[in-house]
Protein backbone atom coordinates (compact mmCIF):
# COMPACT_ATOMS: atom_id res chain seq x y z
CA MET A 1 -10.24 57.70 -17.01
CA ALA A 2 -9.84 55.76 -20.26
CA VAL A 3 -7.75 56.35 -23.35
CA LEU A 4 -8.63 54.69 -26.62
CA LEU A 5 -6.05 54.47 -29.39
CA LEU A 6 -6.01 52.70 -32.72
CA ALA A 7 -3.27 50.45 -34.00
CA ALA A 8 -3.00 47.32 -36.04
CA ALA A 9 -3.04 43.78 -34.78
CA CYS A 10 -4.43 40.57 -35.96
CA GLY A 11 -5.71 37.20 -35.47
CA ASP A 12 -8.29 34.58 -34.90
CA THR A 13 -10.83 35.09 -32.15
CA GLY A 14 -10.27 34.18 -28.53
CA GLY A 15 -10.12 35.60 -25.05
CA GLY A 16 -13.27 37.69 -25.38
CA GLY A 17 -14.29 40.34 -27.88
CA ASP A 18 -16.02 40.35 -31.26
CA ASP A 19 -15.64 37.50 -33.72
CA GLY A 20 -15.67 39.75 -36.79
CA GLU A 21 -12.44 39.91 -38.74
CA ASP A 22 -12.94 43.64 -39.37
CA GLU A 23 -13.55 44.47 -35.72
CA PRO A 24 -10.72 46.07 -33.77
CA ILE A 25 -8.80 44.03 -31.24
CA VAL A 26 -9.14 45.63 -27.83
CA ILE A 27 -6.16 45.62 -25.46
CA GLY A 28 -7.01 46.48 -21.88
CA SER A 29 -4.74 47.72 -19.14
CA THR A 30 -4.40 50.11 -16.23
CA LEU A 31 -1.72 52.65 -15.36
CA PRO A 32 -1.22 54.95 -12.35
CA LEU A 33 -2.29 58.14 -14.07
CA THR A 34 -2.92 59.69 -10.65
CA GLY A 35 -1.60 58.97 -7.17
CA ALA A 36 1.89 58.34 -5.82
CA LEU A 37 3.18 56.55 -8.94
CA ALA A 38 1.82 58.95 -11.56
CA ALA A 39 5.21 60.55 -12.28
CA THR A 40 6.36 57.20 -13.67
CA GLY A 41 3.01 55.99 -14.97
CA VAL A 42 2.89 58.79 -17.51
CA ILE A 43 6.06 57.42 -19.13
CA HIS A 44 4.30 54.12 -19.79
CA GLN A 45 1.25 55.93 -21.10
CA LEU A 46 3.32 57.86 -23.63
CA VAL A 47 5.19 54.73 -24.74
CA GLY A 48 1.95 52.81 -25.24
CA GLU A 49 0.48 55.59 -27.34
CA GLN A 50 3.62 55.77 -29.46
CA PHE A 51 3.88 52.01 -29.95
CA VAL A 52 0.22 51.58 -30.87
CA GLU A 53 0.30 54.40 -33.41
CA ARG A 54 3.46 53.00 -35.01
CA LEU A 55 1.68 49.69 -35.47
CA ASN A 56 -1.01 51.52 -37.43
CA ALA A 57 1.55 53.34 -39.54
CA ASP A 58 3.22 50.02 -40.37
CA GLY A 59 -0.03 48.58 -41.70
CA GLY A 60 -0.88 46.45 -38.74
CA LEU A 61 -0.70 42.76 -38.06
CA LEU A 62 -2.81 40.55 -40.31
CA GLY A 63 -5.12 43.38 -41.20
CA ARG A 64 -6.87 44.26 -37.93
CA GLN A 65 -6.78 47.39 -35.84
CA VAL A 66 -6.20 47.65 -32.10
CA GLU A 67 -7.88 49.84 -29.53
CA TRP A 68 -5.90 50.38 -26.34
CA GLN A 69 -8.21 50.87 -23.39
CA VAL A 70 -6.16 52.15 -20.45
CA LEU A 71 -7.82 52.93 -17.13
CA ASP A 72 -6.49 54.92 -14.18
CA ASP A 73 -5.70 52.58 -11.27
CA GLU A 74 -4.84 55.55 -9.04
CA SER A 75 -1.59 53.80 -7.93
CA ASN A 76 -3.71 51.40 -5.84
CA PRO A 77 -3.33 47.58 -6.12
CA GLU A 78 -6.91 47.04 -4.92
CA ARG A 79 -8.11 49.31 -7.71
CA VAL A 80 -5.94 47.34 -10.17
CA THR A 81 -7.72 44.11 -9.23
CA GLN A 82 -11.16 45.66 -9.71
CA LEU A 83 -10.28 47.20 -13.06
CA TYR A 84 -8.67 44.10 -14.61
CA GLU A 85 -11.68 42.04 -13.54
CA ARG A 86 -13.85 44.64 -15.26
CA LEU A 87 -11.70 44.64 -18.41
CA ILE A 88 -11.81 40.86 -18.72
CA ASN A 89 -15.24 39.91 -17.42
CA GLN A 90 -17.36 42.93 -18.35
CA ASP A 91 -15.60 44.69 -21.21
CA GLU A 92 -14.36 41.34 -22.59
CA VAL A 93 -11.17 42.77 -24.01
CA ASP A 94 -9.22 40.51 -26.34
CA LEU A 95 -5.82 41.03 -24.76
CA ILE A 96 -4.34 42.60 -21.66
CA ILE A 97 -1.00 44.17 -20.79
CA GLY A 98 0.23 44.90 -17.29
CA PRO A 99 0.25 48.11 -15.22
CA TYR A 100 3.26 49.83 -13.61
CA ALA A 101 5.00 48.84 -10.33
CA THR A 102 5.36 45.35 -8.90
CA PRO A 103 2.48 45.48 -6.36
CA ASN A 104 0.10 46.57 -9.12
CA ILE A 105 1.50 44.01 -11.55
CA LEU A 106 1.13 41.21 -8.99
CA ALA A 107 -2.52 42.19 -8.60
CA ALA A 108 -3.07 42.19 -12.38
CA VAL A 109 -1.27 38.86 -12.86
CA ALA A 110 -3.48 37.26 -10.21
CA VAL A 111 -6.58 38.31 -12.18
CA ALA A 112 -5.01 37.12 -15.44
CA GLU A 113 -4.26 33.71 -13.93
CA ARG A 114 -7.80 33.28 -12.63
CA SER A 115 -9.12 34.18 -16.07
CA ASP A 116 -6.53 32.21 -18.10
CA TYR A 117 -5.27 35.33 -19.87
CA MET A 118 -1.73 35.80 -21.12
CA ILE A 119 -0.21 39.00 -19.66
CA PRO A 120 3.02 40.78 -20.63
CA HIS A 121 4.04 43.42 -18.09
CA HIS A 122 6.47 46.33 -17.91
CA THR A 123 8.45 46.49 -14.71
CA ALA A 124 7.88 43.67 -12.21
CA ILE A 125 11.32 42.24 -11.60
CA HIS A 126 10.69 39.88 -8.67
CA ALA A 127 10.74 36.44 -10.29
CA PRO A 128 10.08 34.52 -7.03
CA LEU A 129 6.71 36.27 -6.70
CA LEU A 130 5.59 35.56 -10.28
CA THR A 131 4.77 31.88 -10.68
CA TYR A 132 2.07 32.09 -13.37
CA ASP A 133 3.42 30.44 -16.53
CA CYS A 134 1.63 32.88 -18.86
CA GLN A 135 3.08 36.13 -17.46
CA PHE A 136 5.96 37.62 -19.44
CA PRO A 137 8.24 40.36 -18.08
CA GLY A 138 9.44 43.26 -20.21
CA TRP A 139 12.14 44.04 -17.66
CA SER A 140 14.35 41.29 -16.25
CA ILE A 141 16.83 41.65 -13.39
CA ASP A 142 17.85 38.00 -13.05
CA PRO A 143 15.78 35.24 -11.40
CA GLU A 144 17.38 36.38 -8.11
CA PRO A 145 17.07 40.19 -8.42
CA ASP A 146 17.92 40.89 -4.78
CA VAL A 147 21.29 39.18 -5.19
CA TYR A 148 21.96 40.53 -8.68
CA VAL A 149 21.32 44.20 -7.87
CA SER A 150 23.26 44.04 -4.60
CA GLU A 151 26.31 42.48 -6.22
CA LEU A 152 26.10 44.83 -9.20
CA LEU A 153 26.08 47.86 -6.89
CA PHE A 154 28.78 46.64 -4.50
CA ASP A 155 31.03 45.61 -7.40
CA ALA A 156 30.74 49.10 -8.86
CA LEU A 157 31.39 50.83 -5.53
CA ALA A 158 34.46 48.64 -4.99
CA THR A 159 36.12 50.31 -7.99
CA LEU A 160 36.10 53.75 -6.33
CA PRO A 161 39.40 55.14 -4.98
CA GLU A 162 37.97 54.87 -1.45
CA PRO A 163 35.22 52.21 -1.47
CA PRO A 164 32.56 52.92 1.17
CA GLN A 165 32.59 50.56 4.13
CA ARG A 166 29.51 51.92 5.97
CA ILE A 167 26.04 52.04 4.41
CA ALA A 168 22.51 52.91 5.52
CA ILE A 169 19.50 51.23 3.91
CA VAL A 170 16.08 52.91 3.88
CA THR A 171 13.33 50.63 2.58
CA ASN A 172 9.83 51.16 1.25
CA GLU A 173 7.85 48.23 2.69
CA SER A 174 6.15 47.73 -0.67
CA GLY A 175 6.28 44.25 -2.18
CA SER A 176 8.45 45.56 -5.01
CA THR A 177 11.20 46.98 -2.79
CA ALA A 178 11.31 45.31 0.64
CA PRO A 179 12.64 41.98 -0.73
CA MET A 180 15.54 43.84 -2.34
CA THR A 181 16.71 44.72 1.18
CA HIS A 182 15.90 41.51 3.02
CA GLY A 183 16.14 38.92 0.24
CA PHE A 184 13.68 36.39 -1.13
CA ALA A 185 15.31 33.18 0.04
CA GLU A 186 14.05 31.57 3.23
CA GLY A 187 16.57 31.96 6.00
CA GLY A 188 18.05 35.14 4.51
CA GLY A 189 21.45 35.51 2.90
CA GLY A 190 20.25 37.54 -0.05
CA GLY A 191 19.31 41.17 -0.50
CA MET A 192 21.45 44.13 0.38
CA LEU A 193 21.64 43.19 4.05
CA GLY A 194 22.90 39.69 3.32
CA ILE A 195 25.32 40.65 0.55
CA ALA A 196 26.74 43.53 2.62
CA GLU A 197 27.46 41.13 5.46
CA GLN A 198 29.19 38.70 3.10
CA ARG A 199 31.44 41.51 1.86
CA GLY A 200 32.27 42.90 5.26
CA ILE A 201 30.36 46.16 4.71
CA GLU A 202 28.81 47.60 7.86
CA VAL A 203 25.12 48.48 7.77
CA VAL A 204 24.95 51.34 10.25
CA GLU A 205 21.18 51.80 9.94
CA GLU A 206 18.28 49.91 8.35
CA LEU A 207 14.95 51.71 8.44
CA PRO A 208 11.61 50.74 6.87
CA TYR A 209 8.81 53.12 5.94
CA ALA A 210 5.25 52.62 4.76
CA PRO A 211 4.31 52.95 1.07
CA GLY A 212 3.04 56.46 0.36
CA ASN A 213 5.06 58.00 3.19
CA GLN A 214 5.36 61.78 2.94
CA GLU A 215 7.22 62.56 6.18
CA TRP A 216 10.98 62.27 5.74
CA GLY A 217 12.32 64.43 8.57
CA SER A 218 12.86 61.70 11.16
CA ILE A 219 14.44 59.36 8.62
CA ALA A 220 16.76 62.12 7.42
CA ALA A 221 17.81 62.92 11.00
CA GLN A 222 18.80 59.30 11.67
CA ARG A 223 20.78 59.14 8.42
CA ARG A 224 22.70 62.25 9.45
CA GLY A 225 23.68 60.77 12.82
CA ALA A 226 24.79 57.42 11.38
CA TYR A 227 27.41 58.89 8.99
CA PRO A 228 27.13 56.25 6.24
CA GLY A 229 29.31 56.38 3.14
CA VAL A 230 26.26 55.56 1.01
CA VAL A 231 22.53 55.94 1.71
CA MET A 232 20.62 53.27 -0.21
CA ASN A 233 16.93 53.84 -0.80
CA ASN A 234 15.08 50.75 -1.93
CA GLY A 235 12.07 52.84 -2.84
CA LEU A 236 9.78 53.95 -5.65
CA GLY A 237 8.89 57.09 -7.55
CA VAL A 238 9.64 60.30 -5.67
CA ASP A 239 10.60 58.63 -2.36
CA SER A 240 14.26 59.45 -2.88
CA VAL A 241 13.51 63.08 -3.77
CA GLY A 242 11.63 63.63 -0.51
CA MET A 243 14.42 61.97 1.44
CA ILE A 244 17.22 64.01 -0.15
CA GLU A 245 15.31 67.27 0.33
CA ALA A 246 14.69 66.43 3.99
CA MET A 247 18.37 65.68 4.57
CA GLU A 248 19.32 68.98 2.93
CA GLN A 249 16.98 70.87 5.25
CA LEU A 250 18.96 69.39 8.14
CA GLY A 251 22.24 70.51 6.60
CA TYR A 252 23.27 66.98 5.66
CA GLN A 253 24.10 65.43 2.31
CA PRO A 254 25.41 61.83 2.22
CA PRO A 255 28.63 61.23 0.27
CA MET A 256 26.72 58.97 -2.16
CA PHE A 257 23.09 58.03 -2.71
CA PHE A 258 21.49 55.01 -4.42
CA SER A 259 17.81 54.96 -5.43
CA LEU A 260 16.38 51.65 -6.65
CA PHE A 261 13.37 52.67 -8.77
CA PRO A 262 13.16 56.48 -8.85
CA ALA A 263 10.98 58.58 -11.11
CA PRO A 264 13.88 59.75 -13.31
CA GLY A 265 12.79 63.33 -13.96
CA PRO A 266 12.18 64.47 -10.36
CA MET A 267 15.63 63.22 -9.35
CA LEU A 268 17.23 65.42 -12.01
CA GLY A 269 15.02 68.26 -10.81
CA LEU A 270 17.00 68.31 -7.57
CA GLY A 271 19.90 69.93 -9.42
CA GLU A 272 23.17 69.71 -7.51
CA LEU A 273 21.47 67.83 -4.67
CA GLY A 274 20.86 64.89 -7.00
CA ASP A 275 24.27 64.94 -8.64
CA GLY A 276 26.10 61.63 -8.24
CA ALA A 277 22.97 59.61 -7.39
CA LEU A 278 23.01 56.02 -8.66
CA SER A 279 20.21 53.74 -9.85
CA VAL A 280 19.63 50.62 -11.95
CA SER A 281 19.02 50.97 -15.68
CA LEU A 282 17.99 48.88 -18.65
CA PHE A 283 18.87 51.58 -21.18
CA GLU A 284 19.90 55.23 -21.32
CA PRO A 285 20.07 57.18 -24.61
CA ASN A 286 23.69 58.25 -24.10
CA GLU A 287 25.52 58.86 -27.37
CA PRO A 288 27.92 55.86 -27.13
CA LEU A 289 24.95 53.54 -26.59
CA LEU A 290 22.88 55.12 -29.36
CA ALA A 291 25.78 54.57 -31.73
CA GLN A 292 25.69 50.87 -30.86
CA TYR A 293 21.92 50.53 -31.33
CA GLY A 294 21.58 52.38 -34.64
CA ASP A 295 19.02 54.47 -36.51
CA GLU A 296 15.80 52.71 -35.45
CA VAL A 297 16.47 53.31 -31.77
CA ARG A 298 17.43 56.93 -32.46
CA GLU A 299 14.12 57.42 -34.21
CA ILE A 300 12.15 55.87 -31.34
CA VAL A 301 13.84 57.91 -28.60
CA THR A 302 13.58 61.14 -30.62
CA GLU A 303 9.88 60.63 -31.28
CA PHE A 304 9.24 59.83 -27.62
CA SER A 305 10.97 63.03 -26.53
CA SER A 306 8.83 65.06 -28.91
CA ARG A 307 5.67 63.44 -27.59
CA ALA A 308 6.68 63.96 -23.98
CA GLN A 309 7.43 67.60 -24.64
CA ALA A 310 4.10 68.09 -26.42
CA ALA A 311 2.37 66.48 -23.44
CA GLY A 312 3.92 69.06 -21.14
CA GLN A 313 6.34 66.71 -19.42
CA THR A 314 9.42 68.25 -17.86
CA TYR A 315 11.38 65.02 -18.31
CA THR A 316 11.30 63.88 -21.93
CA VAL A 317 14.03 61.21 -22.12
CA PHE A 318 13.36 57.67 -23.33
CA GLU A 319 15.21 55.67 -20.67
CA THR A 320 14.90 52.48 -18.63
CA GLN A 321 11.18 52.76 -17.78
CA ALA A 322 10.31 53.50 -21.39
CA THR A 323 12.49 50.61 -22.57
CA ALA A 324 10.75 48.12 -20.30
CA SER A 325 7.40 49.37 -21.55
CA TRP A 326 8.48 49.08 -25.20
CA ASN A 327 9.65 45.51 -24.55
CA ALA A 328 6.27 44.56 -23.05
CA TRP A 329 4.41 45.90 -26.09
CA GLU A 330 6.74 44.01 -28.43
CA ILE A 331 6.14 40.82 -26.45
CA LEU A 332 2.39 41.27 -26.88
CA ALA A 333 2.53 42.16 -30.58
CA GLY A 334 5.12 39.45 -31.29
CA ALA A 335 2.96 36.78 -29.68
CA VAL A 336 -0.11 37.75 -31.73
CA ALA A 337 1.85 37.95 -34.99
CA GLY A 338 3.73 34.71 -34.36
CA ALA A 339 0.80 32.62 -33.16
CA GLU A 340 -1.60 34.21 -35.67
CA SER A 341 -4.22 33.89 -32.98
CA LEU A 342 -5.88 35.65 -30.07
CA ASP A 343 -6.37 32.42 -28.16
CA GLN A 344 -4.74 33.03 -24.80
CA GLN A 345 -3.12 29.60 -24.44
CA GLU A 346 -1.79 29.66 -28.00
CA LEU A 347 -0.19 33.04 -27.34
CA CYS A 348 1.37 31.76 -24.14
CA ASP A 349 2.66 28.58 -25.78
CA TYR A 350 4.11 30.53 -28.70
CA LEU A 351 6.18 32.78 -26.44
CA VAL A 352 7.50 29.89 -24.36
CA GLU A 353 8.39 27.88 -27.45
CA ASN A 354 9.73 30.67 -29.67
CA GLY A 355 10.47 33.76 -27.61
CA VAL A 356 10.22 37.15 -29.28
CA GLU A 357 12.57 39.63 -30.96
CA THR A 358 12.80 43.06 -29.32
CA THR A 359 14.36 46.32 -30.43
CA PHE A 360 16.30 47.09 -27.25
CA ASN A 361 17.09 43.63 -25.84
CA GLY A 362 17.28 41.42 -28.91
CA GLN A 363 15.81 37.92 -28.81
CA LEU A 364 14.07 37.21 -25.52
CA THR A 365 13.57 33.62 -24.41
CA PHE A 366 11.10 32.53 -21.75
CA ASP A 367 11.47 29.59 -19.38
CA PRO A 368 8.64 29.00 -16.87
CA GLU A 369 11.15 27.27 -14.59
CA VAL A 370 12.64 30.70 -13.86
CA SER A 371 9.32 32.59 -14.09
CA ASN A 372 10.05 33.54 -17.74
CA PHE A 373 12.79 35.95 -16.68
CA TRP A 374 15.38 36.29 -19.43
CA PRO A 375 19.15 36.91 -19.14
CA THR A 376 19.53 40.51 -17.99
CA ASN A 377 21.77 43.32 -19.15
CA VAL A 378 20.73 45.71 -16.38
CA GLY A 379 23.49 48.06 -15.29
CA LEU A 380 23.92 51.19 -13.19
CA LYS A 381 23.33 54.80 -14.15
CA GLN A 382 24.43 57.95 -12.35
CA VAL A 383 23.33 61.58 -12.40
CA GLN A 384 26.22 63.50 -13.95
CA GLY A 385 25.94 67.13 -15.03
CA GLY A 386 22.15 67.08 -15.02
CA ASP A 387 21.71 63.83 -17.00
CA TRP A 388 21.44 60.13 -16.26
CA VAL A 389 24.52 58.36 -17.65
CA MET A 390 25.28 54.62 -17.82
CA VAL A 391 28.38 53.97 -15.71
CA TRP A 392 28.46 50.20 -15.03
CA PRO A 393 29.38 47.59 -16.14
CA GLN A 394 32.33 48.94 -18.03
CA ASP A 395 31.42 47.34 -21.37
CA ARG A 396 28.13 49.31 -21.44
CA ALA A 397 29.31 52.46 -19.71
CA ALA A 398 29.14 55.88 -21.33
CA ALA A 399 31.23 57.41 -18.52
CA GLU A 400 33.11 56.39 -15.40
CA ILE A 401 31.47 56.40 -11.97
CA GLN A 402 32.04 59.69 -10.24
CA PRO A 403 33.22 59.26 -6.62
CA PRO A 404 32.06 61.59 -3.86
CA ALA A 405 33.41 65.12 -4.21
């Protein structure tokens, strides 16, 4: 499947494509439009369409149009590799932008490095796995994300009237989630297991499962017998939904639940079962935060919601996934506009030397010494009354964390 959209971009020639100044610039990418990650992939598809069309409406960059060629990678990293090689070597696209989910992004970045292409990407947050100097993340959770997320979560839980002292960790063995449990550093000490031990929190159960798992009954049964204060799912997409539903079928609901990278809509679709669930967030369009950001952000999130509704999506909120995607597109467009070139090395050098201004995260700076990961403002969100609400840290919170009922 391919989607072609027009927008404006610019530049000298380079990195493949037509030399004519009137020819469109072609940006190639893949997204999981089908498969296990499709519920999140569609968010990135909608954001890309919106961003590209806004570029056209603004008159473009240096007078040239852009075609976005997005292919369905079917949520499969092997398919990602094949398609990016096709985009670069056969289709000869001028620019590329990354897919969704760390395993897929790692596959795309490997192709980009072999081909000397600059690649912004949406949601890979594992800096230790991304050593290519010309990859640029649109979502940053610290150069040590396993430590950052663990400390962020445990700090927030420590503010509850009765902080939980027993946790269970259920881990998708995917490359984007397993290191968040076990840590990146050799010899351990990081990740949720290491940080829990440092803080004297008992891990009563730690269970892995294979990517794409659809059978949650046995995992749910073990969670019920362990009696943790919090079940922590370092998983992707609808993993957490399947797990919560399986626990409910056994007559068990944990006091609190944390989901690392959930598809946001399906979690809300659980109704009362999902109430109180926690996750990480780059941005949520809660009214106090919208008031801080101003009219441009209101316009973006309102337009996205309209597009999502028109596309038949049940979840139409512009939130953390959409924000990361918007950042990645601004990194790409900012590099082309700033360098006034499509030469891949010039684009890379420009971003490292100058950074780029973004709507949601301000000026981003890139340092290859820390894999180009910029200072993060990632916080925690919680399902409250049928919506995701920012609850931590306190200076970005739209509400307080709700403790277990």
